[in-house]
Amino acid sequence: MSCYKTLEELNSDQITELKQSYLCNVKYENQGVSWGMLANADNIVSMEELEEEYGHITFTDDDFFCSASN
């Protein structure tokens, strides 16, 4: 059974992964994103941007690579 989470309930690793995805798929779509930008995603993408794009979505741990069990 999956546990559904709102944006506010995600942990910091999940937020970082979501910000990286936002950079690649929304903010700089079709422009390319550098490794430096991905590493700096927490400073580039605001929580307000995430709220606007993903605030209506519920997530599960399966939505994130960082949540994959070993």
PDB file of N, CA and C in Angstrom:
ATOM      1  N   MET A   1       0.837  -1.188   0.000  1.00  0.00           N
ATOM      2  CA  MET A   1       0.000   0.000   0.000  1.00  0.00           C
ATOM      3  C   MET A   1       0.882   1.252   0.000  1.00  0.00           C
ATOM      4  N   SER A   2       0.574   2.174  -0.850  1.00  0.00           N
ATOM      5  CA  SER A   2       1.353   3.402  -0.964  1.00  0.00           C
ATOM      6  C   SER A   2       0.811   4.459  -0.019  1.00  0.00           C
ATOM      7  N   CYS A   3       1.716   5.213   0.526  1.00  0.00           N
ATOM      8  CA  CYS A   3       1.362   6.349   1.372  1.00  0.00           C
ATOM      9  C   CYS A   3       1.446   7.611   0.519  1.00  0.00           C
ATOM     10  N   TYR A   4       0.353   8.310   0.417  1.00  0.00           N
ATOM     11  CA  TYR A   4       0.329   9.514  -0.397  1.00  0.00           C
ATOM     12  C   TYR A   4       0.803  10.711   0.411  1.00  0.00           C
ATOM     13  N   LYS A   5       1.553  11.589  -0.250  1.00  0.00           N
ATOM     14  CA  LYS A   5       2.129  12.760   0.399  1.00  0.00           C
ATOM     15  C   LYS A   5       1.866  13.995  -0.450  1.00  0.00           C
ATOM     16  N   THR A   6       1.663  15.099   0.234  1.00  0.00           N
ATOM     17  CA  THR A   6       1.587  16.389  -0.456  1.00  0.00           C
ATOM     18  C   THR A   6       2.999  16.938  -0.583  1.00  0.00           C
ATOM     19  N   LEU A   7       3.146  18.007  -1.310  1.00  0.00           N
ATOM     20  CA  LEU A   7       4.442  18.653  -1.485  1.00  0.00           C
ATOM     21  C   LEU A   7       5.058  18.997  -0.129  1.00  0.00           C
ATOM     22  N   GLU A   8       4.258  19.464   0.789  1.00  0.00           N
ATOM     23  CA  GLU A   8       4.739  19.868   2.111  1.00  0.00           C
ATOM     24  C   GLU A   8       5.225  18.676   2.944  1.00  0.00           C
ATOM     25  N   GLU A   9       4.804  17.481   2.610  1.00  0.00           N
ATOM     26  CA  GLU A   9       5.173  16.291   3.373  1.00  0.00           C
ATOM     27  C   GLU A   9       6.416  15.577   2.833  1.00  0.00           C
ATOM     28  N   LEU A  10       6.946  16.039   1.711  1.00  0.00           N
ATOM     29  CA  LEU A  10       8.132  15.410   1.145  1.00  0.00           C
ATOM     30  C   LEU A  10       9.353  15.725   1.993  1.00  0.00           C
ATOM     31  N   ASN A  11      10.315  14.787   2.027  1.00  0.00           N
ATOM     32  CA  ASN A  11      11.548  15.050   2.771  1.00  0.00           C
ATOM     33  C   ASN A  11      12.505  15.887   1.905  1.00  0.00           C
ATOM     34  N   SER A  12      13.596  16.314   2.498  1.00  0.00           N
ATOM     35  CA  SER A  12      14.507  17.229   1.786  1.00  0.00           C
ATOM     36  C   SER A  12      15.124  16.599   0.542  1.00  0.00           C
ATOM     37  N   ASP A  13      15.443  15.304   0.570  1.00  0.00           N
ATOM     38  CA  ASP A  13      15.990  14.642  -0.617  1.00  0.00           C
ATOM     39  C   ASP A  13      14.952  14.600  -1.744  1.00  0.00           C
ATOM     40  N   GLN A  14      13.707  14.351  -1.395  1.00  0.00           N
ATOM     41  CA  GLN A  14      12.642  14.321  -2.401  1.00  0.00           C
ATOM     42  C   GLN A  14      12.405  15.712  -2.980  1.00  0.00           C
ATOM     43  N   ILE A  15      12.468  16.739  -2.146  1.00  0.00           N
ATOM     44  CA  ILE A  15      12.314  18.113  -2.633  1.00  0.00           C
ATOM     45  C   ILE A  15      13.441  18.455  -3.604  1.00  0.00           C
ATOM     46  N   THR A  16      14.660  18.085  -3.253  1.00  0.00           N
ATOM     47  CA  THR A  16      15.801  18.344  -4.139  1.00  0.00           C
ATOM     48  C   THR A  16      15.624  17.630  -5.471  1.00  0.00           C
ATOM     49  N   GLU A  17      15.213  16.372  -5.432  1.00  0.00           N
ATOM     50  CA  GLU A  17      14.996  15.626  -6.673  1.00  0.00           C
ATOM     51  C   GLU A  17      13.885  16.265  -7.507  1.00  0.00           C
ATOM     52  N   LEU A  18      12.839  16.737  -6.859  1.00  0.00           N
ATOM     53  CA  LEU A  18      11.751  17.392  -7.572  1.00  0.00           C
ATOM     54  C   LEU A  18      12.222  18.712  -8.188  1.00  0.00           C
ATOM     55  N   LYS A  19      13.048  19.458  -7.475  1.00  0.00           N
ATOM     56  CA  LYS A  19      13.613  20.697  -8.025  1.00  0.00           C
ATOM     57  C   LYS A  19      14.492  20.403  -9.236  1.00  0.00           C
ATOM     58  N   GLN A  20      15.267  19.332  -9.189  1.00  0.00           N
ATOM     59  CA  GLN A  20      16.099  18.951 -10.331  1.00  0.00           C
ATOM     60  C   GLN A  20      15.232  18.582 -11.526  1.00  0.00           C
ATOM     61  N   SER A  21      14.179  17.852 -11.271  1.00  0.00           N
ATOM     62  CA  SER A  21      13.255  17.485 -12.339  1.00  0.00           C
ATOM     63  C   SER A  21      12.587  18.726 -12.922  1.00  0.00           C
ATOM     64  N   TYR A  22      12.218  19.648 -12.066  1.00  0.00           N
ATOM     65  CA  TYR A  22      11.608  20.904 -12.515  1.00  0.00           C
ATOM     66  C   TYR A  22      12.560  21.672 -13.421  1.00  0.00           C
ATOM     67  N   LEU A  23      13.827  21.732 -13.052  1.00  0.00           N
ATOM     68  CA  LEU A  23      14.814  22.410 -13.899  1.00  0.00           C
ATOM     69  C   LEU A  23      14.857  21.802 -15.291  1.00  0.00           C
ATOM     70  N   CYS A  24      14.908  20.486 -15.349  1.00  0.00           N
ATOM     71  CA  CYS A  24      15.055  19.790 -16.634  1.00  0.00           C
ATOM     72  C   CYS A  24      13.785  19.803 -17.479  1.00  0.00           C
ATOM     73  N   ASN A  25      12.635  19.667 -16.830  1.00  0.00           N
ATOM     74  CA  ASN A  25      11.396  19.437 -17.564  1.00  0.00           C
ATOM     75  C   ASN A  25      10.472  20.645 -17.677  1.00  0.00           C
ATOM     76  N   VAL A  26      10.738  21.691 -16.913  1.00  0.00           N
ATOM     77  CA  VAL A  26       9.845  22.850 -16.944  1.00  0.00           C
ATOM     78  C   VAL A  26      10.632  24.142 -17.183  1.00  0.00           C
ATOM     79  N   LYS A  27      11.457  24.503 -16.226  1.00  0.00           N
ATOM     80  CA  LYS A  27      12.112  25.814 -16.253  1.00  0.00           C
ATOM     81  C   LYS A  27      13.053  25.983 -17.445  1.00  0.00           C
ATOM     82  N   TYR A  28      13.837  24.969 -17.738  1.00  0.00           N
ATOM     83  CA  TYR A  28      14.795  25.054 -18.853  1.00  0.00           C
ATOM     84  C   TYR A  28      14.550  23.959 -19.884  1.00  0.00           C
ATOM     85  N   GLU A  29      13.305  23.618 -20.073  1.00  0.00           N
ATOM     86  CA  GLU A  29      12.949  22.593 -21.052  1.00  0.00           C
ATOM     87  C   GLU A  29      13.496  22.982 -22.421  1.00  0.00           C
ATOM     88  N   ASN A  30      14.096  22.033 -23.092  1.00  0.00           N
ATOM     89  CA  ASN A  30      14.674  22.202 -24.431  1.00  0.00           C
ATOM     90  C   ASN A  30      15.903  23.106 -24.474  1.00  0.00           C
ATOM     91  N   GLN A  31      16.438  23.505 -23.321  1.00  0.00           N
ATOM     92  CA  GLN A  31      17.619  24.354 -23.296  1.00  0.00           C
ATOM     93  C   GLN A  31      18.839  23.631 -22.747  1.00  0.00           C
ATOM     94  N   GLY A  32      18.635  22.543 -22.049  1.00  0.00           N
ATOM     95  CA  GLY A  32      19.740  21.828 -21.435  1.00  0.00           C
ATOM     96  C   GLY A  32      20.058  22.370 -20.053  1.00  0.00           C
ATOM     97  N   VAL A  33      20.419  21.477 -19.175  1.00  0.00           N
ATOM     98  CA  VAL A  33      20.749  21.824 -17.795  1.00  0.00           C
ATOM     99  C   VAL A  33      22.113  21.228 -17.484  1.00  0.00           C
ATOM    100  N   SER A  34      22.994  22.025 -16.912  1.00  0.00           N
ATOM    101  CA  SER A  34      24.343  21.549 -16.590  1.00  0.00           C
ATOM    102  C   SER A  34      24.339  20.772 -15.276  1.00  0.00           C
ATOM    103  N   TRP A  35      25.408  20.021 -15.058  1.00  0.00           N
ATOM    104  CA  TRP A  35      25.573  19.311 -13.786  1.00  0.00           C
ATOM    105  C   TRP A  35      25.617  20.308 -12.639  1.00  0.00           C
ATOM    106  N   GLY A  36      26.238  21.452 -12.861  1.00  0.00           N
ATOM    107  CA  GLY A  36      26.303  22.487 -11.836  1.00  0.00           C
ATOM    108  C   GLY A  36      24.927  23.013 -11.459  1.00  0.00           C
ATOM    109  N   MET A  37      24.075  23.171 -12.457  1.00  0.00           N
ATOM    110  CA  MET A  37      22.714  23.615 -12.182  1.00  0.00           C
ATOM    111  C   MET A  37      21.953  22.567 -11.375  1.00  0.00           C
ATOM    112  N   LEU A  38      22.131  21.301 -11.738  1.00  0.00           N
ATOM    113  CA  LEU A  38      21.462  20.236 -10.989  1.00  0.00           C
ATOM    114  C   LEU A  38      21.950  20.197  -9.545  1.00  0.00           C
ATOM    115  N   ALA A  39      23.255  20.364  -9.356  1.00  0.00           N
ATOM    116  CA  ALA A  39      23.820  20.354  -8.010  1.00  0.00           C
ATOM    117  C   ALA A  39      23.349  21.556  -7.198  1.00  0.00           C
ATOM    118  N   ASN A  40      22.989  22.627  -7.870  1.00  0.00           N
ATOM    119  CA  ASN A  40      22.576  23.866  -7.218  1.00  0.00           C
ATOM    120  C   ASN A  40      21.068  24.084  -7.270  1.00  0.00           C
ATOM    121  N   ALA A  41      20.313  23.046  -7.592  1.00  0.00           N
ATOM    122  CA  ALA A  41      18.864  23.169  -7.797  1.00  0.00           C
ATOM    123  C   ALA A  41      18.150  23.786  -6.604  1.00  0.00           C
ATOM    124  N   ASP A  42      18.606  23.482  -5.390  1.00  0.00           N
ATOM    125  CA  ASP A  42      17.951  24.041  -4.201  1.00  0.00           C
ATOM    126  C   ASP A  42      18.025  25.560  -4.169  1.00  0.00           C
ATOM    127  N   ASN A  43      19.081  26.118  -4.760  1.00  0.00           N
ATOM    128  CA  ASN A  43      19.244  27.574  -4.790  1.00  0.00           C
ATOM    129  C   ASN A  43      18.610  28.228  -6.013  1.00  0.00           C
ATOM    130  N   ILE A  44      18.350  27.437  -7.041  1.00  0.00           N
ATOM    131  CA  ILE A  44      17.814  27.974  -8.295  1.00  0.00           C
ATOM    132  C   ILE A  44      16.286  27.953  -8.318  1.00  0.00           C
ATOM    133  N   VAL A  45      15.701  26.887  -7.786  1.00  0.00           N
ATOM    134  CA  VAL A  45      14.250  26.705  -7.827  1.00  0.00           C
ATOM    135  C   VAL A  45      13.664  27.006  -6.453  1.00  0.00           C
ATOM    136  N   SER A  46      12.680  27.859  -6.422  1.00  0.00           N
ATOM    137  CA  SER A  46      12.043  28.215  -5.148  1.00  0.00           C
ATOM    138  C   SER A  46      10.897  27.246  -4.823  1.00  0.00           C
ATOM    139  N   MET A  47      10.541  27.212  -3.571  1.00  0.00           N
ATOM    140  CA  MET A  47       9.390  26.410  -3.157  1.00  0.00           C
ATOM    141  C   MET A  47       8.109  26.959  -3.783  1.00  0.00           C
ATOM    142  N   GLU A  48       8.060  28.245  -4.036  1.00  0.00           N
ATOM    143  CA  GLU A  48       6.894  28.843  -4.690  1.00  0.00           C
ATOM    144  C   GLU A  48       6.717  28.295  -6.110  1.00  0.00           C
ATOM    145  N   GLU A  49       7.839  28.125  -6.807  1.00  0.00           N
ATOM    146  CA  GLU A  49       7.769  27.545  -8.158  1.00  0.00           C
ATOM    147  C   GLU A  49       7.256  26.111  -8.089  1.00  0.00           C
ATOM    148  N   LEU A  50       7.748  25.342  -7.109  1.00  0.00           N
ATOM    149  CA  LEU A  50       7.277  23.962  -6.957  1.00  0.00           C
ATOM    150  C   LEU A  50       5.798  23.926  -6.613  1.00  0.00           C
ATOM    151  N   GLU A  51       5.376  24.808  -5.717  1.00  0.00           N
ATOM    152  CA  GLU A  51       3.964  24.862  -5.323  1.00  0.00           C
ATOM    153  C   GLU A  51       3.077  25.154  -6.524  1.00  0.00           C
ATOM    154  N   GLU A  52       3.507  26.096  -7.351  1.00  0.00           N
ATOM    155  CA  GLU A  52       2.727  26.454  -8.537  1.00  0.00           C
ATOM    156  C   GLU A  52       2.620  25.279  -9.513  1.00  0.00           C
ATOM    157  N   GLU A  53       3.719  24.559  -9.701  1.00  0.00           N
ATOM    158  CA  GLU A  53       3.757  23.467 -10.678  1.00  0.00           C
ATOM    159  C   GLU A  53       3.201  22.147 -10.126  1.00  0.00           C
ATOM    160  N   TYR A  54       3.485  21.849  -8.869  1.00  0.00           N
ATOM    161  CA  TYR A  54       3.177  20.525  -8.318  1.00  0.00           C
ATOM    162  C   TYR A  54       2.269  20.547  -7.097  1.00  0.00           C
ATOM    163  N   GLY A  55       1.775  21.709  -6.699  1.00  0.00           N
ATOM    164  CA  GLY A  55       0.971  21.819  -5.488  1.00  0.00           C
ATOM    165  C   GLY A  55      -0.304  21.002  -5.494  1.00  0.00           C
ATOM    166  N   HIS A  56      -0.826  20.678  -6.642  1.00  0.00           N
ATOM    167  CA  HIS A  56      -2.074  19.925  -6.770  1.00  0.00           C
ATOM    168  C   HIS A  56      -1.849  18.410  -6.863  1.00  0.00           C
ATOM    169  N   ILE A  57      -0.593  17.981  -6.827  1.00  0.00           N
ATOM    170  CA  ILE A  57      -0.247  16.567  -7.032  1.00  0.00           C
ATOM    171  C   ILE A  57       0.025  15.885  -5.694  1.00  0.00           C
ATOM    172  N   THR A  58      -0.407  14.631  -5.587  1.00  0.00           N
ATOM    173  CA  THR A  58      -0.005  13.810  -4.446  1.00  0.00           C
ATOM    174  C   THR A  58       1.077  12.859  -4.924  1.00  0.00           C
ATOM    175  N   PHE A  59       2.049  12.607  -4.070  1.00  0.00           N
ATOM    176  CA  PHE A  59       3.222  11.804  -4.412  1.00  0.00           C
ATOM    177  C   PHE A  59       3.266  10.545  -3.551  1.00  0.00           C
ATOM    178  N   THR A  60       4.040   9.576  -4.012  1.00  0.00           N
ATOM    179  CA  THR A  60       4.401   8.423  -3.197  1.00  0.00           C
ATOM    180  C   THR A  60       5.921   8.306  -3.229  1.00  0.00           C
ATOM    181  N   ASP A  61       6.478   7.520  -2.331  1.00  0.00           N
ATOM    182  CA  ASP A  61       7.926   7.317  -2.336  1.00  0.00           C
ATOM    183  C   ASP A  61       8.400   6.724  -3.654  1.00  0.00           C
ATOM    184  N   ASP A  62       7.540   5.961  -4.311  1.00  0.00           N
ATOM    185  CA  ASP A  62       7.907   5.343  -5.594  1.00  0.00           C
ATOM    186  C   ASP A  62       8.131   6.368  -6.700  1.00  0.00           C
ATOM    187  N   ASP A  63       7.717   7.602  -6.494  1.00  0.00           N
ATOM    188  CA  ASP A  63       7.908   8.656  -7.483  1.00  0.00           C
ATOM    189  C   ASP A  63       9.334   9.194  -7.500  1.00  0.00           C
ATOM    190  N   PHE A  64      10.148   8.785  -6.533  1.00  0.00           N
ATOM    191  CA  PHE A  64      11.478   9.362  -6.366  1.00  0.00           C
ATOM    192  C   PHE A  64      12.565   8.294  -6.354  1.00  0.00           C
ATOM    193  N   PHE A  65      13.625   8.532  -7.129  1.00  0.00           N
ATOM    194  CA  PHE A  65      14.770   7.634  -7.134  1.00  0.00           C
ATOM    195  C   PHE A  65      15.437   7.596  -5.758  1.00  0.00           C
ATOM    196  N   CYS A  66      15.490   8.740  -5.073  1.00  0.00           N
ATOM    197  CA  CYS A  66      16.174   8.811  -3.784  1.00  0.00           C
ATOM    198  C   CYS A  66      15.456   7.996  -2.719  1.00  0.00           C
ATOM    199  N   SER A  67      14.235   7.572  -2.980  1.00  0.00           N
ATOM    200  CA  SER A  67      13.473   6.785  -2.007  1.00  0.00           C
ATOM    201  C   SER A  67      13.539   5.288  -2.289  1.00  0.00           C
ATOM    202  N   ALA A  68      14.234   4.917  -3.359  1.00  0.00           N
ATOM    203  CA  ALA A  68      14.319   3.504  -3.730  1.00  0.00           C
ATOM    204  C   ALA A  68      15.072   2.716  -2.659  1.00  0.00           C
ATOM    205  N   SER A  69      14.509   1.596  -2.309  1.00  0.00           N
ATOM    206  CA  SER A  69      15.167   0.764  -1.293  1.00  0.00           C
ATOM    207  C   SER A  69      16.268  -0.063  -1.951  1.00  0.00           C
ATOM    208  N   ASN A  70      17.288  -0.341  -1.170  1.00  0.00           N
ATOM    209  CA  ASN A  70      18.445  -1.090  -1.676  1.00  0.00           C
ATOM    210  C   ASN A  70      18.167  -2.554  -1.691  1.00  0.00           C
TER     211      ASN A  70
END
